[in-house]
């Protein structure tokens, strides 16, 4: 695959992947912490409007760069339990975010009884995804 043979493609994709992670987990992490009670003086709705597009941009950046990283070592990654767990958690964390958006469409999701547990699950899953991503290099 060209990404594995190129002297710049894999390292560049790796850097872009990290930048996407910073955008995604930085934005979503702040929103999750706000839902868990941090910074109560900051309006949650304004934070949501400002940070959600950054989180989406980070996720899309990671998906694009992750595709390049995967293509460079697909045979090994496809059988990696760590990689499979990472993919499962990405699916669950994304589903959690989409479900939260649906709750929000029906009113103020921040007051929904499931908001805090969903925020804790989100924060936990995205952090675990980052850790698993780093562990792939050592497996």
N, C-alpha and C. Protein backbone atom coordinates (compact mmCIF):
# COMPACT_ATOMS: atom_id res chain seq x y z
N UNK A 1 0.85 -1.18 0.00
CA UNK A 1 0.00 0.00 0.00
C UNK A 1 0.89 1.24 0.00
N UNK A 2 0.46 2.25 -0.70
CA UNK A 2 1.27 3.46 -0.85
C UNK A 2 1.59 4.12 0.48
N UNK A 3 0.67 4.07 1.45
CA UNK A 3 0.92 4.73 2.74
C UNK A 3 2.05 4.06 3.50
N UNK A 4 2.19 2.76 3.34
CA UNK A 4 3.27 2.04 4.03
C UNK A 4 4.62 2.30 3.37
N UNK A 5 4.61 2.52 2.06
CA UNK A 5 5.86 2.72 1.33
C UNK A 5 6.32 4.17 1.30
N UNK A 6 5.41 5.09 1.49
CA UNK A 6 5.75 6.51 1.42
C UNK A 6 6.50 6.95 2.67
N UNK A 7 7.57 7.72 2.51
CA UNK A 7 8.29 8.20 3.69
C UNK A 7 7.54 9.30 4.46
N UNK A 8 6.50 9.87 3.85
CA UNK A 8 5.78 10.95 4.53
C UNK A 8 4.31 10.65 4.82
N UNK A 9 3.69 9.73 4.06
CA UNK A 9 2.25 9.50 4.20
C UNK A 9 1.88 9.01 5.60
N UNK A 10 2.55 7.98 6.08
CA UNK A 10 2.19 7.42 7.38
C UNK A 10 2.47 8.40 8.52
N UNK A 11 3.66 9.00 8.58
CA UNK A 11 3.90 9.97 9.65
C UNK A 11 2.94 11.17 9.60
N UNK A 12 2.64 11.65 8.40
CA UNK A 12 1.71 12.77 8.27
C UNK A 12 0.31 12.36 8.72
N UNK A 13 -0.15 11.18 8.31
CA UNK A 13 -1.46 10.69 8.74
C UNK A 13 -1.50 10.53 10.25
N UNK A 14 -0.40 10.10 10.84
CA UNK A 14 -0.33 9.94 12.29
C UNK A 14 -0.48 11.28 13.00
N UNK A 15 0.21 12.29 12.51
CA UNK A 15 0.12 13.64 13.10
C UNK A 15 -1.30 14.19 12.94
N UNK A 16 -1.87 14.03 11.76
CA UNK A 16 -3.24 14.50 11.52
C UNK A 16 -4.21 13.76 12.43
N UNK A 17 -3.99 12.47 12.64
CA UNK A 17 -4.84 11.67 13.52
C UNK A 17 -4.81 12.23 14.96
N UNK A 18 -3.63 12.56 15.43
CA UNK A 18 -3.49 13.14 16.77
C UNK A 18 -4.19 14.50 16.85
N UNK A 19 -4.03 15.32 15.83
CA UNK A 19 -4.72 16.63 15.83
C UNK A 19 -6.23 16.45 15.83
N UNK A 20 -6.73 15.47 15.08
CA UNK A 20 -8.16 15.17 15.11
C UNK A 20 -8.62 14.73 16.49
N UNK A 21 -7.78 13.93 17.16
CA UNK A 21 -8.11 13.48 18.52
C UNK A 21 -8.18 14.66 19.49
N UNK A 22 -7.28 15.59 19.33
CA UNK A 22 -7.28 16.79 20.19
C UNK A 22 -8.59 17.55 19.99
N UNK A 23 -8.97 17.75 18.73
CA UNK A 23 -10.23 18.45 18.44
C UNK A 23 -11.43 17.71 19.02
N UNK A 24 -11.49 16.42 18.73
CA UNK A 24 -12.65 15.62 19.15
C UNK A 24 -12.75 15.52 20.67
N UNK A 25 -11.71 14.99 21.29
CA UNK A 25 -11.79 14.73 22.72
C UNK A 25 -11.74 16.03 23.52
N UNK A 26 -11.03 17.02 23.01
CA UNK A 26 -11.04 18.32 23.68
C UNK A 26 -12.43 18.91 23.72
N UNK A 27 -13.10 18.93 22.57
CA UNK A 27 -14.44 19.52 22.50
C UNK A 27 -15.46 18.69 23.26
N UNK A 28 -15.50 17.40 22.98
CA UNK A 28 -16.48 16.53 23.63
C UNK A 28 -16.21 16.42 25.12
N UNK A 29 -14.92 16.37 25.47
CA UNK A 29 -14.56 16.28 26.89
C UNK A 29 -15.05 17.48 27.68
N UNK A 30 -14.89 18.66 27.13
CA UNK A 30 -15.37 19.87 27.82
C UNK A 30 -16.89 19.84 27.95
N UNK A 31 -17.58 19.44 26.88
CA UNK A 31 -19.04 19.35 26.96
C UNK A 31 -19.48 18.30 27.98
N UNK A 32 -18.81 17.16 27.98
CA UNK A 32 -19.16 16.11 28.95
C UNK A 32 -18.92 16.59 30.38
N UNK A 33 -17.78 17.22 30.60
CA UNK A 33 -17.49 17.73 31.95
C UNK A 33 -18.50 18.79 32.37
N UNK A 34 -18.93 19.63 31.43
CA UNK A 34 -19.95 20.64 31.74
C UNK A 34 -21.25 19.96 32.16
N UNK A 35 -21.64 18.90 31.43
CA UNK A 35 -22.86 18.17 31.79
C UNK A 35 -22.73 17.47 33.13
N UNK A 36 -21.50 17.15 33.50
CA UNK A 36 -21.26 16.50 34.80
C UNK A 36 -21.15 17.50 35.94
N UNK A 37 -21.29 18.79 35.64
CA UNK A 37 -21.33 19.80 36.69
C UNK A 37 -20.17 20.77 36.73
N UNK A 38 -19.15 20.60 35.89
CA UNK A 38 -18.02 21.53 35.87
C UNK A 38 -18.46 22.86 35.26
N UNK A 39 -17.85 23.91 35.70
CA UNK A 39 -18.08 25.27 35.18
C UNK A 39 -19.56 25.63 35.07
N UNK A 40 -20.30 25.58 36.16
CA UNK A 40 -21.74 25.83 36.09
C UNK A 40 -22.09 27.24 35.63
N UNK A 41 -21.17 28.18 35.75
CA UNK A 41 -21.46 29.54 35.30
C UNK A 41 -21.44 29.68 33.77
N UNK A 42 -20.81 28.72 33.09
CA UNK A 42 -20.76 28.77 31.62
C UNK A 42 -22.05 28.19 31.05
N UNK A 43 -22.70 28.90 30.16
CA UNK A 43 -23.94 28.38 29.56
C UNK A 43 -23.67 27.13 28.72
N UNK A 44 -24.30 26.04 29.09
CA UNK A 44 -24.08 24.76 28.40
C UNK A 44 -24.51 24.85 26.94
N UNK A 45 -25.59 25.55 26.66
CA UNK A 45 -26.07 25.64 25.28
C UNK A 45 -25.06 26.37 24.39
N UNK A 46 -24.46 27.42 24.91
CA UNK A 46 -23.46 28.16 24.13
C UNK A 46 -22.21 27.31 23.91
N UNK A 47 -21.79 26.58 24.93
CA UNK A 47 -20.65 25.68 24.77
C UNK A 47 -20.95 24.62 23.72
N UNK A 48 -22.15 24.08 23.77
CA UNK A 48 -22.57 23.06 22.82
C UNK A 48 -22.51 23.60 21.39
N UNK A 49 -23.04 24.79 21.17
CA UNK A 49 -23.03 25.39 19.83
C UNK A 49 -21.61 25.66 19.34
N UNK A 50 -20.73 26.05 20.24
CA UNK A 50 -19.35 26.37 19.85
C UNK A 50 -18.49 25.12 19.66
N UNK A 51 -18.67 24.12 20.51
CA UNK A 51 -17.75 22.99 20.53
C UNK A 51 -18.18 21.78 19.70
N UNK A 52 -19.47 21.60 19.49
CA UNK A 52 -19.93 20.44 18.73
C UNK A 52 -19.35 20.42 17.31
N UNK A 53 -19.35 21.55 16.58
CA UNK A 53 -18.74 21.50 15.25
C UNK A 53 -17.24 21.12 15.29
N UNK A 54 -16.54 21.54 16.33
CA UNK A 54 -15.13 21.16 16.46
C UNK A 54 -14.99 19.66 16.71
N UNK A 55 -15.86 19.12 17.54
CA UNK A 55 -15.84 17.69 17.80
C UNK A 55 -16.13 16.88 16.54
N UNK A 56 -17.10 17.34 15.76
CA UNK A 56 -17.43 16.66 14.50
C UNK A 56 -16.25 16.75 13.53
N UNK A 57 -15.64 17.92 13.45
CA UNK A 57 -14.46 18.08 12.58
C UNK A 57 -13.34 17.15 13.03
N UNK A 58 -13.15 17.02 14.32
CA UNK A 58 -12.12 16.11 14.84
C UNK A 58 -12.42 14.67 14.49
N UNK A 59 -13.68 14.26 14.62
CA UNK A 59 -14.06 12.89 14.29
C UNK A 59 -13.84 12.61 12.81
N UNK A 60 -14.26 13.53 11.95
CA UNK A 60 -14.07 13.34 10.51
C UNK A 60 -12.59 13.31 10.14
N UNK A 61 -11.80 14.15 10.80
CA UNK A 61 -10.35 14.16 10.57
C UNK A 61 -9.74 12.83 10.97
N UNK A 62 -10.18 12.30 12.11
CA UNK A 62 -9.66 11.02 12.57
C UNK A 62 -10.09 9.87 11.67
N UNK A 63 -11.31 9.93 11.16
CA UNK A 63 -11.76 8.87 10.26
C UNK A 63 -10.93 8.86 8.98
N UNK A 64 -10.67 10.04 8.42
CA UNK A 64 -9.88 10.12 7.19
C UNK A 64 -8.44 9.66 7.43
N UNK A 65 -7.81 10.19 8.46
CA UNK A 65 -6.42 9.83 8.72
C UNK A 65 -6.31 8.39 9.21
N UNK A 66 -7.30 7.93 9.96
CA UNK A 66 -7.30 6.55 10.43
C UNK A 66 -7.42 5.55 9.29
N UNK A 67 -8.12 5.94 8.25
CA UNK A 67 -8.22 5.07 7.07
C UNK A 67 -6.85 4.88 6.43
N UNK A 68 -6.06 5.95 6.36
CA UNK A 68 -4.71 5.86 5.81
C UNK A 68 -3.84 5.00 6.72
N UNK A 69 -3.94 5.22 8.02
CA UNK A 69 -3.14 4.43 8.97
C UNK A 69 -3.52 2.95 8.88
N UNK A 70 -4.81 2.67 8.78
CA UNK A 70 -5.26 1.28 8.67
C UNK A 70 -4.75 0.65 7.39
N UNK A 71 -4.86 1.37 6.29
CA UNK A 71 -4.45 0.83 4.99
C UNK A 71 -2.97 0.46 4.97
N UNK A 72 -2.17 1.17 5.76
CA UNK A 72 -0.73 0.89 5.78
C UNK A 72 -0.40 -0.44 6.46
N UNK A 73 -1.31 -0.93 7.31
CA UNK A 73 -1.04 -2.18 8.04
C UNK A 73 -2.33 -2.96 8.27
N UNK A 74 -3.16 -3.05 7.25
CA UNK A 74 -4.50 -3.63 7.39
C UNK A 74 -4.49 -5.07 7.87
N UNK A 75 -3.59 -5.88 7.33
CA UNK A 75 -3.59 -7.30 7.69
C UNK A 75 -3.35 -7.50 9.19
N UNK A 76 -2.43 -6.77 9.73
CA UNK A 76 -2.10 -6.88 11.16
C UNK A 76 -3.21 -6.28 12.02
N UNK A 77 -3.72 -5.12 11.63
CA UNK A 77 -4.73 -4.44 12.43
C UNK A 77 -6.06 -5.19 12.44
N UNK A 78 -6.41 -5.78 11.33
CA UNK A 78 -7.70 -6.48 11.23
C UNK A 78 -7.83 -7.61 12.24
N UNK A 79 -6.72 -8.18 12.65
CA UNK A 79 -6.76 -9.28 13.61
C UNK A 79 -6.38 -8.85 15.03
N UNK A 80 -6.13 -7.58 15.22
CA UNK A 80 -5.72 -7.07 16.53
C UNK A 80 -6.93 -6.88 17.44
N UNK A 81 -6.91 -7.53 18.59
CA UNK A 81 -8.00 -7.38 19.56
C UNK A 81 -8.09 -5.94 20.05
N UNK A 82 -6.95 -5.30 20.23
CA UNK A 82 -6.96 -3.90 20.68
C UNK A 82 -7.65 -3.02 19.65
N UNK A 83 -7.31 -3.22 18.39
CA UNK A 83 -7.93 -2.43 17.32
C UNK A 83 -9.43 -2.70 17.25
N UNK A 84 -9.83 -3.96 17.40
CA UNK A 84 -11.25 -4.31 17.36
C UNK A 84 -12.01 -3.66 18.52
N UNK A 85 -11.40 -3.64 19.70
CA UNK A 85 -12.02 -2.96 20.84
C UNK A 85 -12.15 -1.47 20.57
N UNK A 86 -11.11 -0.89 19.97
CA UNK A 86 -11.15 0.53 19.63
C UNK A 86 -12.31 0.82 18.69
N UNK A 87 -12.47 0.01 17.65
CA UNK A 87 -13.57 0.22 16.70
C UNK A 87 -14.93 0.08 17.38
N UNK A 88 -15.05 -0.92 18.26
CA UNK A 88 -16.31 -1.11 18.98
C UNK A 88 -16.63 0.11 19.84
N UNK A 89 -15.63 0.60 20.55
CA UNK A 89 -15.86 1.78 21.40
C UNK A 89 -16.18 3.02 20.57
N UNK A 90 -15.56 3.16 19.41
CA UNK A 90 -15.88 4.30 18.53
C UNK A 90 -17.35 4.22 18.12
N UNK A 91 -17.81 3.02 17.76
CA UNK A 91 -19.21 2.85 17.38
C UNK A 91 -20.14 3.18 18.55
N UNK A 92 -19.80 2.69 19.74
CA UNK A 92 -20.64 2.94 20.92
C UNK A 92 -20.63 4.42 21.32
N UNK A 93 -19.46 5.05 21.29
CA UNK A 93 -19.36 6.46 21.66
C UNK A 93 -20.10 7.35 20.66
N UNK A 94 -20.02 6.99 19.39
CA UNK A 94 -20.74 7.75 18.36
C UNK A 94 -22.25 7.55 18.52
N UNK A 95 -22.68 6.32 18.79
CA UNK A 95 -24.10 6.07 19.02
C UNK A 95 -24.59 6.83 20.25
N UNK A 96 -23.78 6.89 21.29
CA UNK A 96 -24.12 7.64 22.49
C UNK A 96 -24.32 9.13 22.15
N UNK A 97 -23.42 9.67 21.35
CA UNK A 97 -23.53 11.08 20.95
C UNK A 97 -24.78 11.32 20.11
N UNK A 98 -25.07 10.42 19.19
CA UNK A 98 -26.26 10.58 18.35
C UNK A 98 -27.54 10.45 19.18
N UNK A 99 -27.54 9.54 20.12
CA UNK A 99 -28.71 9.40 21.02
C UNK A 99 -28.89 10.66 21.84
N UNK A 100 -27.80 11.23 22.32
CA UNK A 100 -27.90 12.47 23.08
C UNK A 100 -28.48 13.59 22.21
N UNK A 101 -28.07 13.66 20.96
CA UNK A 101 -28.62 14.66 20.03
C UNK A 101 -30.11 14.48 19.86
N UNK A 102 -30.56 13.20 19.80
CA UNK A 102 -32.00 12.94 19.67
C UNK A 102 -32.74 13.42 20.92
N UNK A 103 -32.14 13.18 22.09
CA UNK A 103 -32.76 13.67 23.32
C UNK A 103 -32.87 15.19 23.28
N UNK A 104 -31.82 15.83 22.78
CA UNK A 104 -31.79 17.28 22.71
C UNK A 104 -32.86 17.81 21.75
N UNK A 105 -33.12 17.08 20.68
CA UNK A 105 -34.13 17.51 19.72
C UNK A 105 -35.52 17.55 20.36
N UNK A 106 -35.72 16.72 21.39
CA UNK A 106 -37.01 16.69 22.08
C UNK A 106 -37.12 17.69 23.22
N UNK A 107 -36.12 18.51 23.42
CA UNK A 107 -36.13 19.49 24.51
C UNK A 107 -34.72 19.69 25.03
N UNK A 108 -34.62 20.11 26.27
CA UNK A 108 -33.30 20.36 26.86
C UNK A 108 -32.74 19.05 27.40
N UNK A 109 -31.88 18.44 26.61
CA UNK A 109 -31.31 17.14 26.98
C UNK A 109 -30.48 17.22 28.25
N UNK A 110 -29.97 18.40 28.57
CA UNK A 110 -29.12 18.53 29.76
C UNK A 110 -29.89 18.23 31.04
N UNK A 111 -31.21 18.37 31.01
CA UNK A 111 -32.01 18.09 32.20
C UNK A 111 -32.59 16.67 32.19
N UNK A 112 -32.37 15.94 31.13
CA UNK A 112 -32.85 14.56 31.04
C UNK A 112 -32.11 13.72 32.07
N UNK A 113 -32.80 12.78 32.72
CA UNK A 113 -32.14 11.94 33.73
C UNK A 113 -30.95 11.15 33.20
N UNK A 114 -30.93 10.87 31.91
CA UNK A 114 -29.83 10.09 31.34
C UNK A 114 -28.63 10.96 30.94
N UNK A 115 -28.76 12.29 31.02
CA UNK A 115 -27.70 13.17 30.53
C UNK A 115 -26.37 12.95 31.25
N UNK A 116 -26.39 12.92 32.54
CA UNK A 116 -25.13 12.74 33.29
C UNK A 116 -24.50 11.38 33.06
N UNK A 117 -25.27 10.28 33.15
CA UNK A 117 -24.65 8.98 32.85
C UNK A 117 -24.13 8.90 31.40
N UNK A 118 -24.83 9.52 30.47
CA UNK A 118 -24.37 9.51 29.08
C UNK A 118 -23.09 10.33 28.93
N UNK A 119 -22.99 11.44 29.64
CA UNK A 119 -21.78 12.27 29.59
C UNK A 119 -20.60 11.50 30.19
N UNK A 120 -20.82 10.82 31.30
CA UNK A 120 -19.76 10.03 31.92
C UNK A 120 -19.33 8.88 31.00
N UNK A 121 -20.30 8.23 30.37
CA UNK A 121 -19.98 7.15 29.43
C UNK A 121 -19.20 7.70 28.24
N UNK A 122 -19.62 8.84 27.73
CA UNK A 122 -18.94 9.46 26.59
C UNK A 122 -17.50 9.78 26.92
N UNK A 123 -17.29 10.47 28.02
CA UNK A 123 -15.94 10.84 28.43
C UNK A 123 -15.07 9.59 28.62
N UNK A 124 -15.62 8.59 29.27
CA UNK A 124 -14.88 7.34 29.52
C UNK A 124 -14.53 6.63 28.22
N UNK A 125 -15.50 6.55 27.32
CA UNK A 125 -15.25 5.84 26.07
C UNK A 125 -14.22 6.55 25.20
N UNK A 126 -14.34 7.87 25.05
CA UNK A 126 -13.39 8.58 24.19
C UNK A 126 -11.98 8.52 24.77
N UNK A 127 -11.86 8.59 26.09
CA UNK A 127 -10.53 8.45 26.68
C UNK A 127 -9.98 7.03 26.48
N UNK A 128 -10.84 6.03 26.62
CA UNK A 128 -10.41 4.64 26.38
C UNK A 128 -10.00 4.44 24.92
N UNK A 129 -10.69 5.08 24.00
CA UNK A 129 -10.35 4.99 22.58
C UNK A 129 -8.95 5.55 22.35
N UNK A 130 -8.65 6.67 22.98
CA UNK A 130 -7.30 7.25 22.85
C UNK A 130 -6.24 6.29 23.40
N UNK A 131 -6.50 5.72 24.56
CA UNK A 131 -5.54 4.79 25.16
C UNK A 131 -5.36 3.57 24.27
N UNK A 132 -6.45 3.01 23.78
CA UNK A 132 -6.34 1.84 22.90
C UNK A 132 -5.57 2.18 21.63
N UNK A 133 -5.81 3.36 21.09
CA UNK A 133 -5.08 3.78 19.90
C UNK A 133 -3.58 3.80 20.14
N UNK A 134 -3.16 4.28 21.29
CA UNK A 134 -1.74 4.29 21.62
C UNK A 134 -1.21 2.87 21.84
N UNK A 135 -2.03 2.02 22.45
CA UNK A 135 -1.59 0.65 22.73
C UNK A 135 -1.40 -0.20 21.48
N UNK A 136 -2.06 0.17 20.39
CA UNK A 136 -1.92 -0.58 19.14
C UNK A 136 -0.45 -0.67 18.73
N UNK A 137 0.29 0.41 18.95
CA UNK A 137 1.71 0.44 18.55
C UNK A 137 2.55 -0.56 19.35
N UNK A 138 2.06 -1.01 20.48
CA UNK A 138 2.86 -1.87 21.35
C UNK A 138 2.38 -3.31 21.37
N UNK A 139 1.35 -3.59 20.60
CA UNK A 139 0.77 -4.96 20.59
C UNK A 139 1.41 -5.81 19.51
